[in-house]
Amino acid sequence: MGEAGIGKSRLAHTIATGTTERGLAVLQGRAVEVAAPAAYRPLAEALCSAVRTGTAPDPSKVGPFRSTLARLIPEWRSDDHGPLDESHVAVAEAVLRFLRATAADRGALVVLEDLHWADAETATIVDYLADNLATERVLCVVTVRDDPAGMALARSLRSRRAGSVLPLGPLDRSEVEAMVAACLRTNDLSEDVIAFAARADGVPFMVEELLAAAVSTGALVEEGGSWRVAERLEVVVPISLAESMRRRLRELGPQAEQVLVSAPAGGAT
């Protein structure tokens, strides 16, 4: 759990990569920011990823839950299954049985990202999985922002002791220095370069974006393997940062947006 760009997806990717290298099945899905999210989207994507990679179980392994899972897995649909069960509990148990069969005697990892944007149906299923995965060979990793929706999920899991919550915070100065050195592939960093990177407030994604934009525009200059800030430093605003700020302003509403836009002109800080 943490703000945008703090490293949630990078951490989840690292876990998934390590799990794949150990020969375990990895299923991945993501919620997206839309006005009307489709029901079960992250879960359907995760289950379909197992089908695509050939790690999904044979449909016979899930018994009577095949028809319920068919609403999430197009390849499993057929005309002779009759109407699908609309019960959330039935769908949740079907997903659990699918994960159990996928894990078999090896184990499996499920990564569900950006669940602060998830539909209510997905949230219900994740809640069910949290209460029932403890006895299975399945690890479920979820990423959420520290906004009201994400924090509500985290509080629910923590209060029931159904999961562990790992809050991610900004990098400190030494960690920013290490990241800048890795990005620029040098340990010879001047103080002005570190101060420049500090503008990202310790948010890893913004550190990367700020450095990339500065290098491409000539704001950072390399000389003999050492980097320095150009004498004439232009304003560097990565496109991703600008879009993130626009999105956050839209979420505040038109009145708050107008206040923030007008404040600098009036001398407010």
Protein backbone atom coordinates (compact mmCIF):
# COMPACT_ATOMS: atom_id res chain seq x y z
CA MET A 1 0.00 0.00 0.00
CA GLY A 2 1.30 3.44 -0.89
CA GLU A 3 0.97 6.49 -3.10
CA ALA A 4 1.29 6.40 -6.87
CA GLY A 5 4.85 5.72 -8.03
CA ILE A 6 6.10 4.55 -4.64
CA GLY A 7 7.15 1.12 -5.95
CA LYS A 8 4.15 -1.17 -5.45
CA SER A 9 4.18 -2.55 -8.99
CA ARG A 10 7.96 -2.88 -9.03
CA LEU A 11 7.88 -4.90 -5.82
CA ALA A 12 5.04 -7.09 -7.11
CA HIS A 13 6.96 -7.66 -10.36
CA THR A 14 10.06 -8.69 -8.43
CA ILE A 15 8.03 -11.20 -6.40
CA ALA A 16 6.41 -12.58 -9.57
CA THR A 17 9.76 -12.93 -11.33
CA GLY A 18 11.29 -14.80 -8.41
CA THR A 19 8.26 -17.08 -8.20
CA THR A 20 8.44 -17.90 -11.92
CA GLU A 21 12.15 -18.71 -11.61
CA ARG A 22 11.26 -21.23 -8.90
CA GLY A 23 8.90 -23.02 -11.28
CA LEU A 24 5.63 -22.00 -9.63
CA ALA A 25 2.56 -20.80 -11.48
CA VAL A 26 2.01 -17.02 -11.54
CA LEU A 27 -1.39 -15.47 -12.29
CA GLN A 28 -1.62 -11.72 -12.77
CA GLY A 29 -4.51 -9.28 -13.15
CA ARG A 30 -5.06 -5.56 -12.77
CA ALA A 31 -7.92 -3.16 -12.13
CA VAL A 32 -8.10 -0.08 -14.32
CA GLU A 33 -9.43 3.43 -13.78
CA VAL A 34 -12.71 3.63 -15.67
CA ALA A 35 -16.07 5.20 -14.91
CA ALA A 36 -17.87 1.84 -14.85
CA PRO A 37 -15.44 -1.02 -14.09
CA ALA A 38 -16.34 -4.41 -15.52
CA ALA A 39 -17.29 -7.03 -12.96
CA TYR A 40 -14.45 -9.36 -11.94
CA ARG A 41 -11.99 -7.81 -14.43
CA PRO A 42 -8.75 -8.33 -12.42
CA LEU A 43 -9.75 -11.90 -11.53
CA ALA A 44 -10.78 -12.77 -15.08
CA GLU A 45 -7.45 -11.43 -16.34
CA ALA A 46 -5.54 -13.46 -13.75
CA LEU A 47 -7.35 -16.70 -14.56
CA CYS A 48 -7.04 -16.14 -18.30
CA SER A 49 -3.30 -15.51 -17.89
CA ALA A 50 -3.00 -19.03 -16.48
CA VAL A 51 -4.87 -20.42 -19.49
CA ARG A 52 -2.62 -18.50 -21.91
CA THR A 53 0.58 -19.72 -20.27
CA GLY A 54 -0.58 -23.31 -20.00
CA THR A 55 -0.51 -23.40 -16.20
CA ALA A 56 -4.29 -23.59 -15.75
CA PRO A 57 -5.70 -26.92 -14.54
CA ASP A 58 -7.79 -29.21 -16.67
CA PRO A 59 -11.44 -28.13 -16.36
CA SER A 60 -12.29 -31.52 -14.92
CA LYS A 61 -10.20 -30.65 -11.84
CA VAL A 62 -12.72 -28.03 -10.70
CA GLY A 63 -15.76 -30.30 -11.02
CA PRO A 64 -19.13 -28.54 -10.86
CA PHE A 65 -17.47 -25.11 -10.67
CA ARG A 66 -16.52 -25.19 -14.35
CA SER A 67 -19.77 -23.55 -15.43
CA THR A 68 -19.31 -20.77 -12.87
CA LEU A 69 -15.72 -20.19 -13.98
CA ALA A 70 -16.86 -20.07 -17.59
CA ARG A 71 -18.09 -16.52 -16.99
CA LEU A 72 -14.44 -15.55 -16.38
CA ILE A 73 -12.68 -17.90 -18.82
CA PRO A 74 -14.07 -17.78 -22.39
CA GLU A 75 -12.28 -21.00 -23.40
CA TRP A 76 -14.28 -22.93 -20.84
CA ARG A 77 -17.69 -21.88 -22.14
CA SER A 78 -20.00 -24.34 -23.84
CA ASP A 79 -23.66 -24.46 -24.78
CA ASP A 80 -24.52 -27.37 -22.52
CA HIS A 81 -23.69 -25.81 -19.16
CA GLY A 82 -26.94 -23.96 -18.69
CA PRO A 83 -27.26 -20.63 -16.87
CA LEU A 84 -24.29 -19.41 -14.85
CA ASP A 85 -24.59 -19.11 -11.07
CA GLU A 86 -24.68 -15.39 -10.19
CA SER A 87 -23.91 -15.89 -6.49
CA HIS A 88 -20.77 -14.05 -5.37
CA VAL A 89 -20.04 -16.87 -2.94
CA ALA A 90 -20.25 -19.42 -5.76
CA VAL A 91 -17.87 -17.36 -7.92
CA ALA A 92 -15.49 -16.89 -4.99
CA GLU A 93 -15.42 -20.60 -4.20
CA ALA A 94 -14.96 -21.39 -7.90
CA VAL A 95 -11.94 -19.08 -8.07
CA LEU A 96 -10.55 -20.70 -4.92
CA ARG A 97 -10.95 -24.18 -6.43
CA PHE A 98 -9.25 -22.98 -9.64
CA LEU A 99 -6.29 -21.66 -7.65
CA ARG A 100 -6.04 -24.85 -5.62
CA ALA A 101 -5.98 -26.97 -8.80
CA THR A 102 -3.44 -24.62 -10.40
CA ALA A 103 -1.15 -24.77 -7.39
CA ALA A 104 -1.39 -28.58 -7.11
CA ASP A 105 1.59 -29.76 -5.08
CA ARG A 106 3.90 -26.95 -6.30
CA GLY A 107 2.25 -23.72 -5.25
CA ALA A 108 1.02 -20.62 -7.05
CA LEU A 109 1.18 -16.84 -6.81
CA VAL A 110 -1.70 -14.49 -7.63
CA VAL A 111 -0.85 -10.81 -8.18
CA LEU A 112 -3.80 -8.39 -8.31
CA GLU A 113 -2.77 -4.79 -8.88
CA ASP A 114 -4.45 -1.43 -8.36
CA LEU A 115 -7.42 -2.82 -6.47
CA HIS A 116 -8.31 0.69 -5.27
CA TRP A 117 -9.98 0.85 -8.74
CA ALA A 118 -11.57 -2.59 -8.50
CA ASP A 119 -15.27 -3.23 -8.94
CA ALA A 120 -17.36 -4.25 -5.93
CA GLU A 121 -17.58 -7.84 -7.16
CA THR A 122 -13.80 -8.25 -7.27
CA ALA A 123 -13.48 -6.74 -3.79
CA THR A 124 -15.97 -9.32 -2.50
CA ILE A 125 -14.02 -12.21 -4.03
CA VAL A 126 -10.68 -10.93 -2.70
CA ASP A 127 -12.25 -10.66 0.75
CA TYR A 128 -13.36 -14.29 0.48
CA LEU A 129 -9.94 -15.44 -0.71
CA ALA A 130 -8.25 -13.65 2.18
CA ASP A 131 -10.29 -15.73 4.62
CA ASN A 132 -9.72 -19.04 2.86
CA LEU A 133 -6.24 -19.08 1.31
CA ALA A 134 -4.40 -19.75 4.58
CA THR A 135 -4.70 -23.51 4.12
CA GLU A 136 -3.86 -23.46 0.40
CA ARG A 137 -0.53 -23.47 -1.45
CA VAL A 138 -1.39 -20.05 -2.83
CA LEU A 139 0.01 -16.61 -2.05
CA CYS A 140 -2.05 -13.60 -3.09
CA VAL A 141 -0.28 -10.23 -3.41
CA VAL A 142 -2.47 -7.16 -3.82
CA THR A 143 -1.40 -3.58 -4.52
CA VAL A 144 -3.50 -0.57 -3.52
CA ARG A 145 -2.96 3.15 -3.16
CA ASP A 146 -3.27 4.78 0.23
CA ASP A 147 -6.55 6.44 -0.72
CA PRO A 148 -9.89 5.77 1.01
CA ALA A 149 -10.70 2.68 -1.11
CA GLY A 150 -7.26 1.15 -0.69
CA MET A 151 -7.04 1.88 3.01
CA ALA A 152 -10.50 0.38 3.60
CA LEU A 153 -9.30 -2.91 2.12
CA ALA A 154 -6.08 -2.79 4.13
CA ARG A 155 -7.92 -2.07 7.39
CA SER A 156 -10.34 -4.91 6.75
CA LEU A 157 -7.56 -7.45 6.15
CA ARG A 158 -5.51 -6.24 9.10
CA SER A 159 -8.42 -6.14 11.56
CA ARG A 160 -9.36 -9.74 10.72
CA ARG A 161 -5.71 -10.83 10.59
CA ALA A 162 -6.49 -12.24 7.17
CA GLY A 163 -3.43 -10.68 5.55
CA SER A 164 -0.30 -8.62 6.11
CA VAL A 165 -0.17 -4.96 5.12
CA LEU A 166 3.14 -3.50 3.93
CA PRO A 167 3.02 0.32 3.75
CA LEU A 168 5.57 1.74 1.31
CA GLY A 169 7.01 5.18 2.03
CA PRO A 170 9.35 7.55 0.14
CA LEU A 171 13.07 6.89 -0.17
CA ASP A 172 15.42 8.68 2.20
CA ARG A 173 18.41 10.68 0.96
CA SER A 174 20.85 7.77 0.92
CA GLU A 175 18.36 5.60 -0.97
CA VAL A 176 17.77 8.37 -3.52
CA GLU A 177 21.54 8.62 -4.01
CA ALA A 178 21.77 4.86 -4.56
CA MET A 179 18.92 4.99 -7.07
CA VAL A 180 20.43 7.92 -8.97
CA ALA A 181 23.77 6.12 -9.11
CA ALA A 182 22.05 3.02 -10.50
CA CYS A 183 20.03 4.98 -13.06
CA LEU A 184 23.03 7.01 -14.28
CA ARG A 185 25.40 4.04 -13.93
CA THR A 186 28.01 5.91 -11.95
CA ASN A 187 29.03 6.47 -8.34
CA ASP A 188 30.53 9.87 -9.15
CA LEU A 189 27.58 12.08 -8.26
CA SER A 190 27.88 15.78 -7.57
CA GLU A 191 25.84 17.45 -4.86
CA ASP A 192 23.81 19.41 -7.40
CA VAL A 193 22.72 16.19 -9.14
CA ILE A 194 21.54 14.73 -5.81
CA ALA A 195 19.71 17.98 -5.01
CA PHE A 196 18.09 17.86 -8.43
CA ALA A 197 16.84 14.29 -7.88
CA ALA A 198 15.53 15.29 -4.45
CA ARG A 199 12.80 17.24 -6.24
CA ALA A 200 11.00 13.90 -6.63
CA ASP A 201 10.39 13.82 -2.85
CA GLY A 202 11.70 10.28 -2.60
CA VAL A 203 9.10 8.76 -4.94
CA PRO A 204 11.05 6.12 -6.94
CA PHE A 205 9.01 6.38 -10.14
CA MET A 206 9.37 10.16 -10.17
CA VAL A 207 13.12 9.89 -9.55
CA GLU A 208 13.41 7.72 -12.67
CA GLU A 209 11.15 9.97 -14.71
CA LEU A 210 12.88 13.16 -13.59
CA LEU A 211 16.32 11.80 -14.45
CA ALA A 212 15.16 10.49 -17.84
CA ALA A 213 13.58 13.83 -18.74
CA ALA A 214 16.63 15.77 -17.53
CA VAL A 215 19.04 13.64 -19.57
CA SER A 216 16.92 13.85 -22.73
CA THR A 217 16.57 17.65 -22.48
CA GLY A 218 20.22 18.30 -21.59
CA ALA A 219 19.47 19.47 -18.05
CA LEU A 220 21.90 16.78 -16.86
CA VAL A 221 25.23 16.58 -18.66
CA GLU A 222 27.78 13.75 -18.61
CA GLU A 223 31.49 14.59 -18.71
CA GLY A 224 34.07 11.85 -18.40
CA GLY A 225 31.76 9.47 -16.60
CA SER A 226 30.58 12.13 -14.16
CA TRP A 227 27.21 13.88 -14.25
CA ARG A 228 26.46 17.50 -13.45
CA VAL A 229 23.53 19.87 -13.70
CA ALA A 230 23.72 22.16 -16.74
CA GLU A 231 24.61 25.79 -16.04
CA ARG A 232 21.32 26.88 -17.53
CA LEU A 233 18.76 24.55 -16.03
CA GLU A 234 15.48 24.50 -17.89
CA VAL A 235 12.21 23.56 -16.22
CA VAL A 236 11.97 19.76 -16.26
CA VAL A 237 8.49 18.32 -15.85
CA PRO A 238 8.11 14.68 -16.95
CA ILE A 239 4.93 14.01 -18.93
CA SER A 240 3.94 11.28 -16.47
CA LEU A 241 4.18 13.74 -13.56
CA ALA A 242 2.13 16.35 -15.39
CA GLU A 243 -0.58 13.79 -16.18
CA SER A 244 -0.58 12.55 -12.58
CA MET A 245 -1.09 16.08 -11.28
CA ARG A 246 -3.89 16.73 -13.78
CA ARG A 247 -5.64 13.54 -12.69
CA ARG A 248 -5.36 14.47 -9.02
CA LEU A 249 -6.69 17.96 -9.70
CA ARG A 250 -9.71 16.49 -11.50
CA GLU A 251 -10.42 14.28 -8.49
CA LEU A 252 -10.50 17.36 -6.22
CA GLY A 253 -13.30 18.98 -8.21
CA PRO A 254 -13.50 22.29 -10.11
CA GLN A 255 -13.56 24.61 -7.07
CA ALA A 256 -10.49 23.11 -5.39
CA GLU A 257 -8.72 23.03 -8.76
CA GLN A 258 -9.39 26.74 -9.27
CA VAL A 259 -8.00 27.55 -5.81
CA LEU A 260 -4.78 25.65 -6.48
CA VAL A 261 -4.33 27.20 -9.90
CA SER A 262 -4.94 30.73 -8.56
CA ALA A 263 -2.85 30.44 -5.38
CA PRO A 264 0.61 30.97 -6.94
CA ALA A 265 -0.58 34.11 -8.71
CA GLY A 266 -1.73 35.53 -5.39
CA GLY A 267 1.52 34.73 -3.59
CA ALA A 268 0.09 31.92 -1.47
CA THR A 269 2.21 28.90 -0.61
